[in-house]
Amino acid sequence: MLFDEMEKTMKPSTQNEINGNIHEVKGALKSTVGKITNNPVLEAKGKAEHNLGKAEKKLGQIEKVIEK
């Protein structure tokens, strides 16, 4: 409940950066698990999510610059 209230008051740029960080970490974890378990599909999905997270985080950073 508290997190929902905080999320409503956050700027979209901050939300993008946080979500980007989350996707980066999840993607890296999936990729690593894919490598360990010799699962190329999971590894590829992890790399894709990691890259999505990087792009989302960069978008948040750009939005912060534009907000100023």
C-alpha atoms as a PDB file:
ATOM      1  CA  MET A   1       0.000   0.000   0.000  1.00  0.00           C
ATOM      2  CA  LEU A   2       2.756   2.434   0.917  1.00  0.00           C
ATOM      3  CA  PHE A   3       4.668   1.599  -2.260  1.00  0.00           C
ATOM      4  CA  ASP A   4       1.552   2.299  -4.351  1.00  0.00           C
ATOM      5  CA  GLU A   5       1.225   5.753  -2.787  1.00  0.00           C
ATOM      6  CA  MET A   6       4.905   6.482  -3.365  1.00  0.00           C
ATOM      7  CA  GLU A   7       4.625   5.340  -6.977  1.00  0.00           C
ATOM      8  CA  LYS A   8       1.736   7.769  -7.578  1.00  0.00           C
ATOM      9  CA  THR A   9       3.820  10.705  -6.341  1.00  0.00           C
ATOM     10  CA  MET A  10       6.982   9.782  -8.278  1.00  0.00           C
ATOM     11  CA  LYS A  11       7.789  11.513 -11.518  1.00  0.00           C
ATOM     12  CA  PRO A  12       7.585   9.322 -14.620  1.00  0.00           C
ATOM     13  CA  SER A  13      11.317   9.750 -15.168  1.00  0.00           C
ATOM     14  CA  THR A  14      12.057   8.303 -11.731  1.00  0.00           C
ATOM     15  CA  GLN A  15       9.651   5.432 -12.337  1.00  0.00           C
ATOM     16  CA  ASN A  16      11.371   4.668 -15.642  1.00  0.00           C
ATOM     17  CA  GLU A  17      14.775   4.624 -13.992  1.00  0.00           C
ATOM     18  CA  ILE A  18      13.615   2.327 -11.186  1.00  0.00           C
ATOM     19  CA  ASN A  19      11.807  -0.016 -13.571  1.00  0.00           C
ATOM     20  CA  GLY A  20      14.869   0.000 -15.830  1.00  0.00           C
ATOM     21  CA  ASN A  21      17.103  -1.032 -12.950  1.00  0.00           C
ATOM     22  CA  ILE A  22      14.697  -3.815 -12.004  1.00  0.00           C
ATOM     23  CA  HIS A  23      14.582  -5.142 -15.577  1.00  0.00           C
ATOM     24  CA  GLU A  24      18.367  -4.958 -15.871  1.00  0.00           C
ATOM     25  CA  VAL A  25      18.860  -7.064 -12.748  1.00  0.00           C
ATOM     26  CA  LYS A  26      16.125  -9.559 -13.649  1.00  0.00           C
ATOM     27  CA  GLY A  27      17.521  -9.891 -17.152  1.00  0.00           C
ATOM     28  CA  ALA A  28      21.058 -10.465 -15.955  1.00  0.00           C
ATOM     29  CA  LEU A  29      19.811 -13.088 -13.508  1.00  0.00           C
ATOM     30  CA  LYS A  30      17.780 -14.882 -16.192  1.00  0.00           C
ATOM     31  CA  SER A  31      20.718 -14.796 -18.565  1.00  0.00           C
ATOM     32  CA  THR A  32      23.045 -16.254 -15.958  1.00  0.00           C
ATOM     33  CA  VAL A  33      20.587 -18.999 -15.038  1.00  0.00           C
ATOM     34  CA  GLY A  34      20.195 -19.745 -18.751  1.00  0.00           C
ATOM     35  CA  LYS A  35      23.960 -20.131 -19.104  1.00  0.00           C
ATOM     36  CA  ILE A  36      24.256 -22.339 -16.023  1.00  0.00           C
ATOM     37  CA  THR A  37      21.368 -24.598 -17.031  1.00  0.00           C
ATOM     38  CA  ASN A  38      22.429 -24.636 -20.689  1.00  0.00           C
ATOM     39  CA  ASN A  39      19.096 -23.111 -21.719  1.00  0.00           C
ATOM     40  CA  PRO A  40      19.712 -20.802 -24.698  1.00  0.00           C
ATOM     41  CA  VAL A  41      16.092 -19.598 -24.785  1.00  0.00           C
ATOM     42  CA  LEU A  42      16.198 -18.397 -21.167  1.00  0.00           C
ATOM     43  CA  GLU A  43      19.610 -16.857 -21.757  1.00  0.00           C
ATOM     44  CA  ALA A  44      18.314 -14.941 -24.794  1.00  0.00           C
ATOM     45  CA  LYS A  45      15.212 -13.770 -22.918  1.00  0.00           C
ATOM     46  CA  GLY A  46      17.448 -12.580 -20.085  1.00  0.00           C
ATOM     47  CA  LYS A  47      19.689 -10.620 -22.446  1.00  0.00           C
ATOM     48  CA  ALA A  48      16.635  -9.053 -24.077  1.00  0.00           C
ATOM     49  CA  GLU A  49      15.158  -8.027 -20.717  1.00  0.00           C
ATOM     50  CA  HIS A  50      18.529  -6.656 -19.595  1.00  0.00           C
ATOM     51  CA  ASN A  51      18.752  -4.508 -22.730  1.00  0.00           C
ATOM     52  CA  LEU A  52      15.160  -3.361 -22.292  1.00  0.00           C
ATOM     53  CA  GLY A  53      16.042  -2.293 -18.765  1.00  0.00           C
ATOM     54  CA  LYS A  54      19.062  -0.348 -19.969  1.00  0.00           C
ATOM     55  CA  ALA A  55      16.908   1.472 -22.521  1.00  0.00           C
ATOM     56  CA  GLU A  56      14.174   2.202 -19.982  1.00  0.00           C
ATOM     57  CA  LYS A  57      16.704   3.563 -17.487  1.00  0.00           C
ATOM     58  CA  LYS A  58      18.273   5.764 -20.173  1.00  0.00           C
ATOM     59  CA  LEU A  59      14.807   7.065 -21.087  1.00  0.00           C
ATOM     60  CA  GLY A  60      14.260   8.084 -17.466  1.00  0.00           C
ATOM     61  CA  GLN A  61      17.612   9.877 -17.410  1.00  0.00           C
ATOM     62  CA  ILE A  62      16.766  11.759 -20.607  1.00  0.00           C
ATOM     63  CA  GLU A  63      13.367  12.729 -19.215  1.00  0.00           C
ATOM     64  CA  LYS A  64      15.040  14.138 -16.100  1.00  0.00           C
ATOM     65  CA  VAL A  65      17.262  16.345 -18.239  1.00  0.00           C
ATOM     66  CA  ILE A  66      14.260  17.570 -20.231  1.00  0.00           C
ATOM     67  CA  GLU A  67      12.285  18.300 -17.029  1.00  0.00           C
ATOM     68  CA  LYS A  68      14.925  20.789 -15.892  1.00  0.00           C
END
